[in-house]
Amino acid sequence: MPETLRISLPPADSARPAAVARPETTRVNADPDETLLERIAKGDTSAVSTLVSRKLPRLLSLARRMLGDPVEAEDVAQETLVRTWKQARDWVPGKARIDTWMHRVALNLCYDRLRRRRDQVSTDDVEIVDTAAGPGAALERAQNAASLQTALKALPERQRVAITLCYYQELSNIEAAALMEVSVEALESLLSRARRSLRARLNPVEDKSGIAGSEIYPKPGAKDLDNRPGGA
């Protein structure tokens, strides 16, 4: 599925009153996305396209790992982008990083969907690997990736969120803790418990396949979950 969404937004002039000009200010370590949001507030359609191309892949990644459903993930990503567009005129520079704010919106939307379907938990959306798809090594990696996805879904919700934010969204422990509204120490405790649970579930796969433990975690650049800064 191509990672693009077609978002139809009404013309800025007809949708909302004209933006009130803000005085130009220079800020140290300013959020690079703020300039983009200012352009969106002025009705710059090219800025909307830039926002979509810049943020969509990470939003989809977050929602897919949280929900396990690509269709629902697209809905969450689109709703997050629409809410960001609506927020553009009212955004207060410096109050928060836009990327962090968007992650919070997407995460809350995922929580809402998970709550609605909590009594209908199913593993029907686990990807089935075609055994004739390719060479043995590639097939084993695909099977291990599917095993990891299944193990992630079995984690308690907050442990799954912590793993997703830190290892797949590549947020720092401080950023992830802020998003989850917990202390860094509490986040590290969640990560530690999640790693133990994943190892317990994935060890049989390791023993059977003979693949090194790093291959079980198909994340570029991450040799082992314990190698991340702040790991417990």
Protein backbone atom coordinates (compact mmCIF):
# COMPACT_ATOMS: atom_id res chain seq x y z
CA MET A 1 0.00 0.00 0.00
CA PRO A 2 1.61 3.35 -0.98
CA GLU A 3 2.18 5.54 2.04
CA THR A 4 0.26 8.56 0.77
CA LEU A 5 -3.05 9.95 1.81
CA ARG A 6 -5.24 12.30 -0.21
CA ILE A 7 -6.58 14.83 2.28
CA SER A 8 -9.26 17.21 1.02
CA LEU A 9 -9.20 20.44 2.99
CA PRO A 10 -11.45 23.44 2.31
CA PRO A 11 -9.72 26.59 1.03
CA ALA A 12 -8.22 28.41 3.98
CA ASP A 13 -9.97 31.70 3.13
CA SER A 14 -13.45 30.14 3.11
CA ALA A 15 -12.90 27.83 6.07
CA ARG A 16 -11.71 30.31 8.65
CA PRO A 17 -11.28 34.05 9.16
CA ALA A 18 -8.13 35.67 7.86
CA ALA A 19 -5.09 35.03 10.00
CA VAL A 20 -3.93 37.81 12.29
CA ALA A 21 -0.37 38.76 11.41
CA ARG A 22 2.12 37.85 14.11
CA PRO A 23 5.23 39.90 14.76
CA GLU A 24 8.40 38.33 13.47
CA THR A 25 10.55 37.02 16.29
CA THR A 26 13.81 35.16 16.44
CA ARG A 27 13.91 32.22 18.82
CA VAL A 28 16.85 30.09 19.86
CA ASN A 29 16.36 26.42 18.95
CA ALA A 30 13.01 27.23 17.32
CA ASP A 31 10.92 24.31 16.13
CA PRO A 32 11.59 23.97 12.36
CA ASP A 33 7.98 22.89 11.85
CA GLU A 34 6.62 26.20 13.15
CA THR A 35 7.48 28.00 9.92
CA LEU A 36 5.55 25.34 8.05
CA LEU A 37 2.53 25.78 10.31
CA GLU A 38 2.67 29.55 9.86
CA ARG A 39 2.52 29.06 6.08
CA ILE A 40 -0.45 26.72 6.46
CA ALA A 41 -2.22 29.34 8.60
CA LYS A 42 -1.82 31.80 5.72
CA GLY A 43 -3.48 29.39 3.28
CA ASP A 44 -0.32 28.07 1.59
CA THR A 45 -1.48 24.79 0.02
CA SER A 46 2.07 23.73 -0.79
CA ALA A 47 2.82 23.84 2.94
CA VAL A 48 -0.05 21.39 3.53
CA SER A 49 1.54 19.01 1.01
CA THR A 50 4.90 19.41 2.73
CA LEU A 51 3.33 18.65 6.11
CA VAL A 52 1.73 15.48 4.74
CA SER A 53 4.94 14.21 3.11
CA ARG A 54 7.03 15.09 6.17
CA LYS A 55 4.79 13.64 8.89
CA LEU A 56 2.67 10.92 7.27
CA PRO A 57 5.21 8.03 7.34
CA ARG A 58 5.88 8.36 11.08
CA LEU A 59 2.19 8.78 11.92
CA LEU A 60 1.34 5.66 9.92
CA SER A 61 4.15 3.72 11.59
CA LEU A 62 2.95 4.69 15.06
CA ALA A 63 -0.71 3.91 14.34
CA ARG A 64 0.02 0.60 12.59
CA ARG A 65 2.06 -0.70 15.51
CA MET A 66 -0.51 0.48 18.02
CA LEU A 67 -3.58 -0.78 16.17
CA GLY A 68 -2.30 -3.59 13.92
CA ASP A 69 -4.76 -2.48 11.23
CA PRO A 70 -3.51 -0.51 8.19
CA VAL A 71 -6.96 0.91 7.39
CA GLU A 72 -7.47 2.21 10.92
CA ALA A 73 -3.89 3.50 10.90
CA GLU A 74 -4.63 5.58 7.80
CA ASP A 75 -7.73 6.99 9.48
CA VAL A 76 -5.71 7.99 12.54
CA ALA A 77 -2.93 9.54 10.45
CA GLN A 78 -5.41 11.53 8.36
CA GLU A 79 -7.33 12.75 11.41
CA THR A 80 -4.07 13.85 13.04
CA LEU A 81 -3.07 15.83 9.95
CA VAL A 82 -6.51 17.45 9.70
CA ARG A 83 -6.39 18.46 13.37
CA THR A 84 -2.94 19.94 12.84
CA TRP A 85 -4.25 21.97 9.89
CA LYS A 86 -7.15 23.25 12.00
CA GLN A 87 -4.75 24.15 14.82
CA ALA A 88 -2.42 26.12 12.55
CA ARG A 89 -4.02 29.55 13.06
CA ASP A 90 -4.22 29.16 16.83
CA TRP A 91 -0.77 27.67 17.37
CA VAL A 92 1.26 29.49 20.03
CA PRO A 93 4.95 29.37 19.05
CA GLY A 94 7.15 27.78 21.66
CA LYS A 95 4.38 26.11 23.67
CA ALA A 96 5.41 22.64 22.45
CA ARG A 97 7.22 20.95 19.59
CA ILE A 98 4.78 20.37 16.75
CA ASP A 99 6.05 16.84 16.12
CA THR A 100 5.52 15.95 19.79
CA TRP A 101 2.03 17.49 19.72
CA MET A 102 1.13 15.47 16.61
CA HIS A 103 2.40 12.26 18.23
CA ARG A 104 0.21 12.99 21.25
CA VAL A 105 -2.87 13.53 19.05
CA ALA A 106 -2.20 10.30 17.12
CA LEU A 107 -1.57 8.35 20.32
CA ASN A 108 -4.82 9.57 21.87
CA LEU A 109 -6.73 8.63 18.72
CA CYS A 110 -5.19 5.15 18.92
CA TYR A 111 -6.16 4.88 22.58
CA ASP A 112 -9.75 5.78 21.67
CA ARG A 113 -9.91 3.04 19.05
CA LEU A 114 -8.31 0.47 21.33
CA ARG A 115 -10.83 1.24 24.06
CA ARG A 116 -13.71 0.79 21.63
CA ARG A 117 -12.55 -2.62 20.53
CA ARG A 118 -11.07 -3.87 23.81
CA ASP A 119 -13.73 -6.54 24.13
CA GLN A 120 -13.16 -7.71 20.58
CA VAL A 121 -9.46 -8.56 20.71
CA SER A 122 -8.43 -10.69 17.75
CA THR A 123 -5.25 -11.89 16.12
CA ASP A 124 -6.87 -12.08 12.69
CA ASP A 125 -4.76 -9.17 11.43
CA VAL A 126 -1.43 -10.96 12.01
CA GLU A 127 0.32 -11.22 8.67
CA ILE A 128 0.59 -14.75 7.27
CA VAL A 129 3.87 -15.36 5.49
CA ASP A 130 3.78 -17.14 2.13
CA THR A 131 6.18 -20.07 2.48
CA ALA A 132 6.96 -19.87 -1.24
CA ALA A 133 7.79 -16.16 -1.12
CA GLY A 134 11.56 -16.35 -1.37
CA PRO A 135 14.88 -17.76 -0.14
CA GLY A 136 15.02 -19.44 3.25
CA ALA A 137 16.95 -16.68 5.06
CA ALA A 138 14.55 -13.96 3.88
CA LEU A 139 11.59 -16.12 4.80
CA GLU A 140 12.94 -16.73 8.31
CA ARG A 141 13.41 -13.00 8.82
CA ALA A 142 9.84 -12.37 7.69
CA GLN A 143 8.56 -15.05 10.04
CA ASN A 144 10.57 -13.56 12.90
CA ALA A 145 9.16 -10.11 12.11
CA ALA A 146 5.65 -11.57 12.24
CA SER A 147 6.50 -13.26 15.54
CA LEU A 148 7.71 -9.94 16.95
CA GLN A 149 4.53 -8.20 15.83
CA THR A 150 2.45 -10.87 17.57
CA ALA A 151 4.57 -10.54 20.72
CA LEU A 152 4.17 -6.76 20.67
CA LYS A 153 0.40 -7.09 20.47
CA ALA A 154 0.45 -9.36 23.53
CA LEU A 155 2.19 -6.72 25.67
CA PRO A 156 0.17 -4.62 28.10
CA GLU A 157 -0.89 -1.43 26.36
CA ARG A 158 1.50 0.97 28.10
CA GLN A 159 4.49 -1.33 27.57
CA ARG A 160 3.62 -1.56 23.88
CA VAL A 161 3.38 2.24 23.67
CA ALA A 162 6.78 2.65 25.35
CA ILE A 163 8.46 0.19 22.96
CA THR A 164 6.77 1.76 19.92
CA LEU A 165 7.74 5.32 20.83
CA CYS A 166 11.35 4.57 21.77
CA TYR A 167 12.39 1.90 19.27
CA TYR A 168 10.19 2.47 16.22
CA GLN A 169 9.39 6.19 16.41
CA GLU A 170 12.95 6.77 17.72
CA LEU A 171 11.91 9.32 20.31
CA SER A 172 14.26 9.98 23.19
CA ASN A 173 13.32 8.66 26.62
CA ILE A 174 12.53 12.22 27.70
CA GLU A 175 10.22 12.80 24.71
CA ALA A 176 8.49 9.44 25.12
CA ALA A 177 8.00 9.98 28.85
CA ALA A 178 6.48 13.41 28.19
CA LEU A 179 4.08 11.94 25.64
CA MET A 180 3.02 9.20 28.05
CA GLU A 181 2.86 11.69 30.94
CA VAL A 182 5.16 9.62 33.13
CA SER A 183 8.61 10.16 34.60
CA VAL A 184 11.68 8.98 32.71
CA GLU A 185 12.24 6.41 35.46
CA ALA A 186 8.71 5.05 35.00
CA LEU A 187 9.26 4.87 31.24
CA GLU A 188 12.49 2.91 31.72
CA SER A 189 10.65 0.50 34.01
CA LEU A 190 8.01 -0.04 31.31
CA LEU A 191 10.74 -0.65 28.72
CA SER A 192 12.55 -3.11 30.99
CA ARG A 193 9.39 -5.14 31.63
CA ALA A 194 8.48 -5.06 27.94
CA ARG A 195 11.93 -6.34 26.93
CA ARG A 196 11.68 -9.22 29.40
CA SER A 197 8.26 -10.17 28.05
CA LEU A 198 9.46 -10.01 24.45
CA ARG A 199 12.49 -12.20 25.19
CA ALA A 200 10.31 -14.76 26.95
CA ARG A 201 7.97 -14.95 23.97
CA LEU A 202 10.64 -14.86 21.25
CA ASN A 203 13.24 -17.24 22.73
CA PRO A 204 11.55 -20.32 21.18
CA VAL A 205 11.79 -18.63 17.78
CA GLU A 206 15.49 -17.92 18.30
CA ASP A 207 16.20 -21.51 19.33
CA LYS A 208 14.36 -22.93 16.35
CA SER A 209 15.76 -20.64 13.67
CA GLY A 210 19.31 -20.27 14.99
CA ILE A 211 19.23 -16.59 14.03
CA ALA A 212 21.13 -14.22 16.35
CA GLY A 213 18.96 -12.27 18.75
CA SER A 214 19.55 -9.03 16.86
CA GLU A 215 17.78 -10.48 13.82
CA ILE A 216 14.62 -10.95 15.85
CA TYR A 217 14.24 -7.18 16.14
CA PRO A 218 13.92 -5.93 12.55
CA LYS A 219 14.72 -2.29 13.20
CA PRO A 220 17.53 -0.73 11.15
CA GLY A 221 20.46 0.26 13.31
CA ALA A 222 19.20 -1.43 16.47
CA LYS A 223 21.39 -4.43 17.24
CA ASP A 224 19.61 -5.13 20.51
CA LEU A 225 16.95 -3.34 22.51
CA ASP A 226 19.32 -3.12 25.49
CA ASN A 227 21.77 -1.02 23.46
CA ARG A 228 19.42 1.98 23.40
CA PRO A 229 20.40 4.84 25.72
CA GLY A 230 18.46 4.71 28.96
CA GLY A 231 17.69 1.02 28.71
CA ALA A 232 17.01 -0.67 32.02
